């Protein structure tokens, strides 16, 4: 494992501890309690347990920092310049269907900037981590975004709006626009892992709309520290819109041009 700063060590240790609990629950997934937050939007007992572990570990190590979790919302700290942003299980639908593609996602925001991120899949034991100015890593391997330069040879990732969320028609137009121009498009159901896979070059580009900040915060740091490009699709602020485009700069800019041509 590459040497980490004290801050990143705290974040990765919290992810590893929560991952052990998730791994146990994944083996008993048919017995888990699952409830609905909205149409096709689920939360399991494992989500709640995982977030509780993360909250305890992170706030014990940095008691003044604020904490924003998908399940518990914002817990204000005394230090207004730092905030942990957490998704305990990004890919809950995969998790409750026993599909081993989901992740714990932890980011740190400092004075409004995303400066550190950890994405951990406890089933594959792939631990992605990055800190501003220190590069991005998968376990002990340094990450770099894809060097592919030709859109027609590129593999993209995206998310599909589910029941109860907006943007179905727009998504279908965008999917139609890309599938005629690229090698393939994948939808695996975990935004944080999509971004981690962009950072390590498995995907050449990624786009998705209407995300929540805990879906992508850690992944944005990974992509940027791997030499990649992250921007709002329509040129606004993705922390406000949740519309995110990522990839190596050449492919991402070509994707942005295609998206710009597709009218709502």
C-alpha atoms as a PDB file:
ATOM      1  CA  UNK A   1       0.000   0.000   0.000  1.00  0.00           C
ATOM      2  CA  UNK A   2       1.275   3.467  -0.907  1.00  0.00           C
ATOM      3  CA  UNK A   3       2.049   5.816   1.980  1.00  0.00           C
ATOM      4  CA  UNK A   4      -0.968   7.961   2.872  1.00  0.00           C
ATOM      5  CA  UNK A   5      -1.443  11.207   4.729  1.00  0.00           C
ATOM      6  CA  UNK A   6      -2.996  10.998   8.211  1.00  0.00           C
ATOM      7  CA  UNK A   7      -6.277  12.312   6.789  1.00  0.00           C
ATOM      8  CA  UNK A   8      -6.465   9.737   4.001  1.00  0.00           C
ATOM      9  CA  UNK A   9      -5.482   7.018   6.479  1.00  0.00           C
ATOM     10  CA  UNK A  10      -8.489   7.967   8.620  1.00  0.00           C
ATOM     11  CA  UNK A  11     -10.809   7.817   5.610  1.00  0.00           C
ATOM     12  CA  UNK A  12      -9.500   4.502   4.285  1.00  0.00           C
ATOM     13  CA  UNK A  13      -9.539   2.870   7.723  1.00  0.00           C
ATOM     14  CA  UNK A  14     -13.165   3.928   8.148  1.00  0.00           C
ATOM     15  CA  UNK A  15     -14.037   2.469   4.736  1.00  0.00           C
ATOM     16  CA  UNK A  16     -12.235  -0.810   5.507  1.00  0.00           C
ATOM     17  CA  UNK A  17     -13.990  -1.178   8.859  1.00  0.00           C
ATOM     18  CA  UNK A  18     -17.423  -0.500   7.351  1.00  0.00           C
ATOM     19  CA  UNK A  19     -16.549  -2.838   4.479  1.00  0.00           C
ATOM     20  CA  UNK A  20     -16.162  -5.776   6.854  1.00  0.00           C
ATOM     21  CA  UNK A  21     -19.730  -5.274   8.073  1.00  0.00           C
ATOM     22  CA  UNK A  22     -21.066  -4.967   4.516  1.00  0.00           C
ATOM     23  CA  UNK A  23     -19.248  -8.127   3.467  1.00  0.00           C
ATOM     24  CA  UNK A  24     -20.949 -10.084   6.249  1.00  0.00           C
ATOM     25  CA  UNK A  25     -24.343  -8.672   5.284  1.00  0.00           C
ATOM     26  CA  UNK A  26     -23.747  -9.418   1.599  1.00  0.00           C
ATOM     27  CA  UNK A  27     -23.463 -13.081   2.476  1.00  0.00           C
ATOM     28  CA  UNK A  28     -26.850 -12.883   4.202  1.00  0.00           C
ATOM     29  CA  UNK A  29     -28.483 -10.550   1.703  1.00  0.00           C
ATOM     30  CA  UNK A  30     -31.729 -12.532   1.456  1.00  0.00           C
ATOM     31  CA  UNK A  31     -32.364 -11.877   5.164  1.00  0.00           C
ATOM     32  CA  UNK A  32     -31.738  -8.122   5.103  1.00  0.00           C
ATOM     33  CA  UNK A  33     -34.453  -5.626   5.954  1.00  0.00           C
ATOM     34  CA  UNK A  34     -35.082  -3.303   3.001  1.00  0.00           C
ATOM     35  CA  UNK A  35     -37.336  -0.261   2.875  1.00  0.00           C
ATOM     36  CA  UNK A  36     -38.193   2.342   0.234  1.00  0.00           C
ATOM     37  CA  UNK A  37     -37.175   6.000   0.299  1.00  0.00           C
ATOM     38  CA  UNK A  38     -39.083   6.598  -2.930  1.00  0.00           C
ATOM     39  CA  UNK A  39     -40.140   4.750  -6.096  1.00  0.00           C
ATOM     40  CA  UNK A  40     -37.328   2.311  -6.944  1.00  0.00           C
ATOM     41  CA  UNK A  41     -35.097   4.016  -4.327  1.00  0.00           C
ATOM     42  CA  UNK A  42     -34.173   1.540  -1.626  1.00  0.00           C
ATOM     43  CA  UNK A  43     -32.327   1.614   1.688  1.00  0.00           C
ATOM     44  CA  UNK A  44     -31.232  -1.522   3.497  1.00  0.00           C
ATOM     45  CA  UNK A  45     -30.340  -2.127   7.121  1.00  0.00           C
ATOM     46  CA  UNK A  46     -26.785  -2.538   5.825  1.00  0.00           C
ATOM     47  CA  UNK A  47     -26.792   1.066   4.477  1.00  0.00           C
ATOM     48  CA  UNK A  48     -27.796   2.362   7.887  1.00  0.00           C
ATOM     49  CA  UNK A  49     -25.295   0.198   9.769  1.00  0.00           C
ATOM     50  CA  UNK A  50     -22.482   1.139   7.384  1.00  0.00           C
ATOM     51  CA  UNK A  51     -23.200   4.858   7.673  1.00  0.00           C
ATOM     52  CA  UNK A  52     -23.265   4.583  11.462  1.00  0.00           C
ATOM     53  CA  UNK A  53     -19.787   2.989  11.438  1.00  0.00           C
ATOM     54  CA  UNK A  54     -18.478   5.674   9.087  1.00  0.00           C
ATOM     55  CA  UNK A  55     -19.996   8.460  11.162  1.00  0.00           C
ATOM     56  CA  UNK A  56     -18.480   7.087  14.378  1.00  0.00           C
ATOM     57  CA  UNK A  57     -15.023   6.499  12.892  1.00  0.00           C
ATOM     58  CA  UNK A  58     -14.738   9.793  11.017  1.00  0.00           C
ATOM     59  CA  UNK A  59     -16.157  12.041  13.723  1.00  0.00           C
ATOM     60  CA  UNK A  60     -14.057  10.320  16.395  1.00  0.00           C
ATOM     61  CA  UNK A  61     -10.903  11.059  14.388  1.00  0.00           C
ATOM     62  CA  UNK A  62     -11.969  14.573  13.318  1.00  0.00           C
ATOM     63  CA  UNK A  63     -14.618  15.626  15.861  1.00  0.00           C
ATOM     64  CA  UNK A  64     -15.062  19.161  14.561  1.00  0.00           C
ATOM     65  CA  UNK A  65     -15.715  18.270  10.933  1.00  0.00           C
ATOM     66  CA  UNK A  66     -19.224  18.354   9.477  1.00  0.00           C
ATOM     67  CA  UNK A  67     -20.674  15.124   8.107  1.00  0.00           C
ATOM     68  CA  UNK A  68     -23.054  14.790   5.161  1.00  0.00           C
ATOM     69  CA  UNK A  69     -24.412  11.265   4.717  1.00  0.00           C
ATOM     70  CA  UNK A  70     -26.952   9.962   2.239  1.00  0.00           C
ATOM     71  CA  UNK A  71     -29.071   8.478   5.021  1.00  0.00           C
ATOM     72  CA  UNK A  72     -28.705  10.873   7.972  1.00  0.00           C
ATOM     73  CA  UNK A  73     -28.258  14.129   6.069  1.00  0.00           C
ATOM     74  CA  UNK A  74     -26.078  16.975   7.309  1.00  0.00           C
ATOM     75  CA  UNK A  75     -24.591  16.985  10.806  1.00  0.00           C
ATOM     76  CA  UNK A  76     -22.981  20.382  11.363  1.00  0.00           C
ATOM     77  CA  UNK A  77     -19.577  20.442  13.035  1.00  0.00           C
ATOM     78  CA  UNK A  78     -17.760  23.255  14.797  1.00  0.00           C
ATOM     79  CA  UNK A  79     -15.193  23.404  11.978  1.00  0.00           C
ATOM     80  CA  UNK A  80     -17.132  25.036   9.126  1.00  0.00           C
ATOM     81  CA  UNK A  81     -14.267  24.633   6.647  1.00  0.00           C
ATOM     82  CA  UNK A  82     -14.281  20.809   6.509  1.00  0.00           C
ATOM     83  CA  UNK A  83     -17.023  18.329   5.641  1.00  0.00           C
ATOM     84  CA  UNK A  84     -17.016  14.581   5.066  1.00  0.00           C
ATOM     85  CA  UNK A  85     -19.419  13.516   2.295  1.00  0.00           C
ATOM     86  CA  UNK A  86     -20.469   9.881   2.524  1.00  0.00           C
ATOM     87  CA  UNK A  87     -22.465   7.326   0.587  1.00  0.00           C
ATOM     88  CA  UNK A  88     -22.455   4.158   2.716  1.00  0.00           C
ATOM     89  CA  UNK A  89     -23.445   1.867  -0.153  1.00  0.00           C
ATOM     90  CA  UNK A  90     -23.362   3.435  -3.589  1.00  0.00           C
ATOM     91  CA  UNK A  91     -25.231   0.828  -5.596  1.00  0.00           C
ATOM     92  CA  UNK A  92     -27.798  -0.326  -3.026  1.00  0.00           C
ATOM     93  CA  UNK A  93     -30.000  -1.871  -5.721  1.00  0.00           C
ATOM     94  CA  UNK A  94     -27.056  -4.015  -6.833  1.00  0.00           C
ATOM     95  CA  UNK A  95     -26.334  -4.906  -3.204  1.00  0.00           C
ATOM     96  CA  UNK A  96     -29.856  -6.094  -2.381  1.00  0.00           C
ATOM     97  CA  UNK A  97     -29.896  -8.184  -5.581  1.00  0.00           C
ATOM     98  CA  UNK A  98     -26.587  -9.835  -4.576  1.00  0.00           C
ATOM     99  CA  UNK A  99     -24.714  -8.201  -7.458  1.00  0.00           C
ATOM    100  CA  UNK A 100     -21.149  -7.569  -6.217  1.00  0.00           C
ATOM    101  CA  UNK A 101     -20.790  -4.114  -7.768  1.00  0.00           C
ATOM    102  CA  UNK A 102     -21.230  -1.394  -5.150  1.00  0.00           C
ATOM    103  CA  UNK A 103     -18.955   0.778  -3.043  1.00  0.00           C
ATOM    104  CA  UNK A 104     -18.433   2.800   0.082  1.00  0.00           C
ATOM    105  CA  UNK A 105     -17.706   6.381  -0.976  1.00  0.00           C
ATOM    106  CA  UNK A 106     -16.084   8.983   1.295  1.00  0.00           C
ATOM    107  CA  UNK A 107     -14.960  12.455   0.229  1.00  0.00           C
ATOM    108  CA  UNK A 108     -13.595  15.431   2.101  1.00  0.00           C
ATOM    109  CA  UNK A 109     -14.603  18.951   1.174  1.00  0.00           C
ATOM    110  CA  UNK A 110     -12.321  21.744   2.404  1.00  0.00           C
ATOM    111  CA  UNK A 111     -13.495  25.333   2.069  1.00  0.00           C
ATOM    112  CA  UNK A 112     -15.913  24.298  -0.661  1.00  0.00           C
ATOM    113  CA  UNK A 113     -13.369  22.249  -2.659  1.00  0.00           C
ATOM    114  CA  UNK A 114     -13.273  18.471  -2.965  1.00  0.00           C
ATOM    115  CA  UNK A 115      -9.762  17.543  -1.819  1.00  0.00           C
ATOM    116  CA  UNK A 116      -9.747  13.822  -0.914  1.00  0.00           C
ATOM    117  CA  UNK A 117     -11.705  10.749  -1.892  1.00  0.00           C
ATOM    118  CA  UNK A 118     -11.970   7.051  -1.092  1.00  0.00           C
ATOM    119  CA  UNK A 119     -14.056   4.520  -3.027  1.00  0.00           C
ATOM    120  CA  UNK A 120     -14.008   0.936  -1.740  1.00  0.00           C
ATOM    121  CA  UNK A 121     -15.680  -2.185  -3.093  1.00  0.00           C
ATOM    122  CA  UNK A 122     -15.469  -4.639  -0.175  1.00  0.00           C
ATOM    123  CA  UNK A 123     -16.290  -7.642  -2.373  1.00  0.00           C
ATOM    124  CA  UNK A 124     -13.470  -7.168  -4.898  1.00  0.00           C
ATOM    125  CA  UNK A 125     -11.298  -5.454  -2.234  1.00  0.00           C
ATOM    126  CA  UNK A 126     -10.401  -2.701  -4.683  1.00  0.00           C
ATOM    127  CA  UNK A 127      -9.613   0.407  -2.645  1.00  0.00           C
ATOM    128  CA  UNK A 128      -9.389   3.610  -4.675  1.00  0.00           C
ATOM    129  CA  UNK A 129      -8.012   6.704  -2.973  1.00  0.00           C
ATOM    130  CA  UNK A 130      -6.780  10.146  -3.937  1.00  0.00           C
ATOM    131  CA  UNK A 131      -5.802  13.447  -2.404  1.00  0.00           C
ATOM    132  CA  UNK A 132      -5.252  16.750  -4.176  1.00  0.00           C
ATOM    133  CA  UNK A 133      -1.721  16.986  -5.496  1.00  0.00           C
ATOM    134  CA  UNK A 134      -0.787  13.422  -4.513  1.00  0.00           C
ATOM    135  CA  UNK A 135      -2.205  11.329  -7.342  1.00  0.00           C
ATOM    136  CA  UNK A 136      -4.864   8.625  -7.455  1.00  0.00           C
ATOM    137  CA  UNK A 137      -4.347   4.980  -6.534  1.00  0.00           C
ATOM    138  CA  UNK A 138      -6.035   1.573  -6.618  1.00  0.00           C
ATOM    139  CA  UNK A 139      -4.511  -0.286  -3.688  1.00  0.00           C
ATOM    140  CA  UNK A 140      -0.754   0.103  -4.441  1.00  0.00           C
ATOM    141  CA  UNK A 141      -1.130   0.940  -8.151  1.00  0.00           C
ATOM    142  CA  UNK A 142      -0.938   4.521  -9.447  1.00  0.00           C
ATOM    143  CA  UNK A 143      -3.904   5.444 -11.652  1.00  0.00           C
ATOM    144  CA  UNK A 144      -4.026   7.258 -14.956  1.00  0.00           C
ATOM    145  CA  UNK A 145      -7.018   7.953 -17.164  1.00  0.00           C
ATOM    146  CA  UNK A 146      -7.276   6.301 -20.559  1.00  0.00           C
ATOM    147  CA  UNK A 147      -5.070   7.636 -23.319  1.00  0.00           C
ATOM    148  CA  UNK A 148      -7.584   6.790 -26.038  1.00  0.00           C
ATOM    149  CA  UNK A 149      -8.018   9.640 -28.509  1.00  0.00           C
ATOM    150  CA  UNK A 150     -10.688   8.353 -30.881  1.00  0.00           C
ATOM    151  CA  UNK A 151     -14.320   8.521 -29.789  1.00  0.00           C
ATOM    152  CA  UNK A 152     -15.376   5.651 -32.062  1.00  0.00           C
ATOM    153  CA  UNK A 153     -13.011   3.342 -30.161  1.00  0.00           C
ATOM    154  CA  UNK A 154     -14.132   4.531 -26.729  1.00  0.00           C
ATOM    155  CA  UNK A 155     -16.126   2.754 -24.023  1.00  0.00           C
ATOM    156  CA  UNK A 156     -18.433   5.034 -22.035  1.00  0.00           C
ATOM    157  CA  UNK A 157     -20.352   4.639 -18.799  1.00  0.00           C
ATOM    158  CA  UNK A 158     -23.592   6.253 -17.694  1.00  0.00           C
ATOM    159  CA  UNK A 159     -26.548   5.937 -15.342  1.00  0.00           C
ATOM    160  CA  UNK A 160     -30.155   5.339 -16.349  1.00  0.00           C
ATOM    161  CA  UNK A 161     -32.921   7.300 -14.599  1.00  0.00           C
ATOM    162  CA  UNK A 162     -35.115   4.976 -12.568  1.00  0.00           C
ATOM    163  CA  UNK A 163     -38.788   5.174 -11.702  1.00  0.00           C
ATOM    164  CA  UNK A 164     -39.672   8.398  -9.921  1.00  0.00           C
ATOM    165  CA  UNK A 165     -36.693  10.402 -11.175  1.00  0.00           C
ATOM    166  CA  UNK A 166     -36.695  12.992 -13.986  1.00  0.00           C
ATOM    167  CA  UNK A 167     -34.941  12.926 -17.328  1.00  0.00           C
ATOM    168  CA  UNK A 168     -36.015   9.661 -18.983  1.00  0.00           C
ATOM    169  CA  UNK A 169     -36.674  11.234 -22.378  1.00  0.00           C
ATOM    170  CA  UNK A 170     -33.459  13.267 -22.303  1.00  0.00           C
ATOM    171  CA  UNK A 171     -31.452  10.181 -21.372  1.00  0.00           C
ATOM    172  CA  UNK A 172     -32.840   8.175 -24.292  1.00  0.00           C
ATOM    173  CA  UNK A 173     -31.894  10.968 -26.700  1.00  0.00           C
ATOM    174  CA  UNK A 174     -28.384  11.103 -25.271  1.00  0.00           C
ATOM    175  CA  UNK A 175     -27.982   7.334 -25.372  1.00  0.00           C
ATOM    176  CA  UNK A 176     -29.113   7.303 -29.003  1.00  0.00           C
ATOM    177  CA  UNK A 177     -26.645  10.075 -29.772  1.00  0.00           C
ATOM    178  CA  UNK A 178     -23.705   8.173 -28.303  1.00  0.00           C
ATOM    179  CA  UNK A 179     -24.406   4.595 -29.350  1.00  0.00           C
ATOM    180  CA  UNK A 180     -23.989   5.563 -33.006  1.00  0.00           C
ATOM    181  CA  UNK A 181     -20.551   7.055 -32.334  1.00  0.00           C
ATOM    182  CA  UNK A 182     -18.763   4.914 -29.712  1.00  0.00           C
ATOM    183  CA  UNK A 183     -17.549   1.377 -29.176  1.00  0.00           C
ATOM    184  CA  UNK A 184     -20.008   0.755 -26.319  1.00  0.00           C
ATOM    185  CA  UNK A 185     -21.935   2.155 -23.373  1.00  0.00           C
ATOM    186  CA  UNK A 186     -22.184   0.458 -19.960  1.00  0.00           C
ATOM    187  CA  UNK A 187     -24.579   0.993 -17.062  1.00  0.00           C
ATOM    188  CA  UNK A 188     -23.412  -0.839 -13.916  1.00  0.00           C
ATOM    189  CA  UNK A 189     -25.357   1.063 -11.262  1.00  0.00           C
ATOM    190  CA  UNK A 190     -22.730   2.769  -9.088  1.00  0.00           C
ATOM    191  CA  UNK A 191     -21.606   6.299  -9.956  1.00  0.00           C
ATOM    192  CA  UNK A 192     -18.632   6.245  -7.585  1.00  0.00           C
ATOM    193  CA  UNK A 193     -17.284   3.080  -9.218  1.00  0.00           C
ATOM    194  CA  UNK A 194     -17.999   4.461 -12.695  1.00  0.00           C
ATOM    195  CA  UNK A 195     -15.748   7.405 -11.839  1.00  0.00           C
ATOM    196  CA  UNK A 196     -13.128   5.163 -10.231  1.00  0.00           C
ATOM    197  CA  UNK A 197     -13.088   3.109 -13.438  1.00  0.00           C
ATOM    198  CA  UNK A 198     -12.644   6.287 -15.485  1.00  0.00           C
ATOM    199  CA  UNK A 199      -9.697   7.152 -13.216  1.00  0.00           C
ATOM    200  CA  UNK A 200      -8.030   3.787 -13.848  1.00  0.00           C
ATOM    201  CA  UNK A 201      -8.715   3.820 -17.595  1.00  0.00           C
ATOM    202  CA  UNK A 202     -11.316   1.065 -17.790  1.00  0.00           C
ATOM    203  CA  UNK A 203     -13.794   3.604 -19.135  1.00  0.00           C
ATOM    204  CA  UNK A 204     -12.828   6.414 -21.485  1.00  0.00           C
ATOM    205  CA  UNK A 205     -15.707   8.681 -20.499  1.00  0.00           C
ATOM    206  CA  UNK A 206     -18.779   8.987 -18.294  1.00  0.00           C
ATOM    207  CA  UNK A 207     -21.871  11.153 -18.155  1.00  0.00           C
ATOM    208  CA  UNK A 208     -24.914  11.224 -15.894  1.00  0.00           C
ATOM    209  CA  UNK A 209     -27.550  13.744 -14.812  1.00  0.00           C
ATOM    210  CA  UNK A 210     -29.332  14.481 -11.535  1.00  0.00           C
ATOM    211  CA  UNK A 211     -26.754  12.907  -9.244  1.00  0.00           C
ATOM    212  CA  UNK A 212     -26.447  13.711  -5.546  1.00  0.00           C
ATOM    213  CA  UNK A 213     -23.129  15.002  -4.250  1.00  0.00           C
ATOM    214  CA  UNK A 214     -22.447  11.828  -2.241  1.00  0.00           C
ATOM    215  CA  UNK A 215     -22.724   9.828  -5.489  1.00  0.00           C
ATOM    216  CA  UNK A 216     -19.762  11.525  -7.141  1.00  0.00           C
ATOM    217  CA  UNK A 217     -17.723  13.589  -4.642  1.00  0.00           C
ATOM    218  CA  UNK A 218     -14.999  11.000  -4.026  1.00  0.00           C
ATOM    219  CA  UNK A 219     -14.946   9.939  -7.673  1.00  0.00           C
ATOM    220  CA  UNK A 220     -14.325  13.479  -8.884  1.00  0.00           C
ATOM    221  CA  UNK A 221     -11.112  13.642  -6.829  1.00  0.00           C
ATOM    222  CA  UNK A 222     -10.011  10.273  -8.230  1.00  0.00           C
ATOM    223  CA  UNK A 223     -10.535  11.318 -11.857  1.00  0.00           C
ATOM    224  CA  UNK A 224      -8.829  14.680 -11.475  1.00  0.00           C
ATOM    225  CA  UNK A 225      -5.834  13.204  -9.653  1.00  0.00           C
ATOM    226  CA  UNK A 226      -5.542  10.534 -12.368  1.00  0.00           C
ATOM    227  CA  UNK A 227      -5.108  13.302 -14.936  1.00  0.00           C
ATOM    228  CA  UNK A 228      -8.737  13.359 -16.040  1.00  0.00           C
ATOM    229  CA  UNK A 229     -11.415  15.941 -16.674  1.00  0.00           C
ATOM    230  CA  UNK A 230     -14.611  16.515 -14.668  1.00  0.00           C
ATOM    231  CA  UNK A 231     -17.124  19.199 -15.588  1.00  0.00           C
ATOM    232  CA  UNK A 232     -20.810  20.016 -15.544  1.00  0.00           C
ATOM    233  CA  UNK A 233     -22.531  18.858 -18.746  1.00  0.00           C
ATOM    234  CA  UNK A 234     -24.131  22.210 -19.553  1.00  0.00           C
ATOM    235  CA  UNK A 235     -21.319  24.444 -18.300  1.00  0.00           C
ATOM    236  CA  UNK A 236     -22.850  25.264 -14.905  1.00  0.00           C
ATOM    237  CA  UNK A 237     -21.775  23.973 -11.470  1.00  0.00           C
ATOM    238  CA  UNK A 238     -22.214  20.218 -11.067  1.00  0.00           C
ATOM    239  CA  UNK A 239     -22.334  20.543  -7.279  1.00  0.00           C
ATOM    240  CA  UNK A 240     -25.636  22.363  -7.834  1.00  0.00           C
ATOM    241  CA  UNK A 241     -27.090  20.478 -10.809  1.00  0.00           C
ATOM    242  CA  UNK A 242     -25.697  16.972 -10.306  1.00  0.00           C
ATOM    243  CA  UNK A 243     -25.042  16.763 -14.077  1.00  0.00           C
ATOM    244  CA  UNK A 244     -21.549  15.353 -14.505  1.00  0.00           C
ATOM    245  CA  UNK A 245     -19.211  14.638 -17.405  1.00  0.00           C
ATOM    246  CA  UNK A 246     -15.844  12.928 -16.909  1.00  0.00           C
ATOM    247  CA  UNK A 247     -13.073  11.299 -18.895  1.00  0.00           C
ATOM    248  CA  UNK A 248      -9.724  12.025 -20.451  1.00  0.00           C
ATOM    249  CA  UNK A 249      -9.802  15.560 -21.797  1.00  0.00           C
ATOM    250  CA  UNK A 250      -9.965  14.667 -25.496  1.00  0.00           C
ATOM    251  CA  UNK A 251     -12.879  12.227 -25.162  1.00  0.00           C
ATOM    252  CA  UNK A 252     -14.732  14.295 -22.565  1.00  0.00           C
ATOM    253  CA  UNK A 253     -14.693  17.402 -24.742  1.00  0.00           C
ATOM    254  CA  UNK A 254     -16.003  15.419 -27.714  1.00  0.00           C
ATOM    255  CA  UNK A 255     -18.740  14.003 -25.494  1.00  0.00           C
ATOM    256  CA  UNK A 256     -19.630  17.503 -24.320  1.00  0.00           C
ATOM    257  CA  UNK A 257     -19.998  18.692 -27.920  1.00  0.00           C
ATOM    258  CA  UNK A 258     -22.382  15.811 -28.697  1.00  0.00           C
ATOM    259  CA  UNK A 259     -24.437  16.444 -25.568  1.00  0.00           C
ATOM    260  CA  UNK A 260     -24.681  20.128 -26.448  1.00  0.00           C
ATOM    261  CA  UNK A 261     -26.292  19.227 -29.788  1.00  0.00           C
ATOM    262  CA  UNK A 262     -29.002  17.110 -28.144  1.00  0.00           C
ATOM    263  CA  UNK A 263     -31.980  19.297 -27.285  1.00  0.00           C
ATOM    264  CA  UNK A 264     -34.153  18.562 -24.221  1.00  0.00           C
END
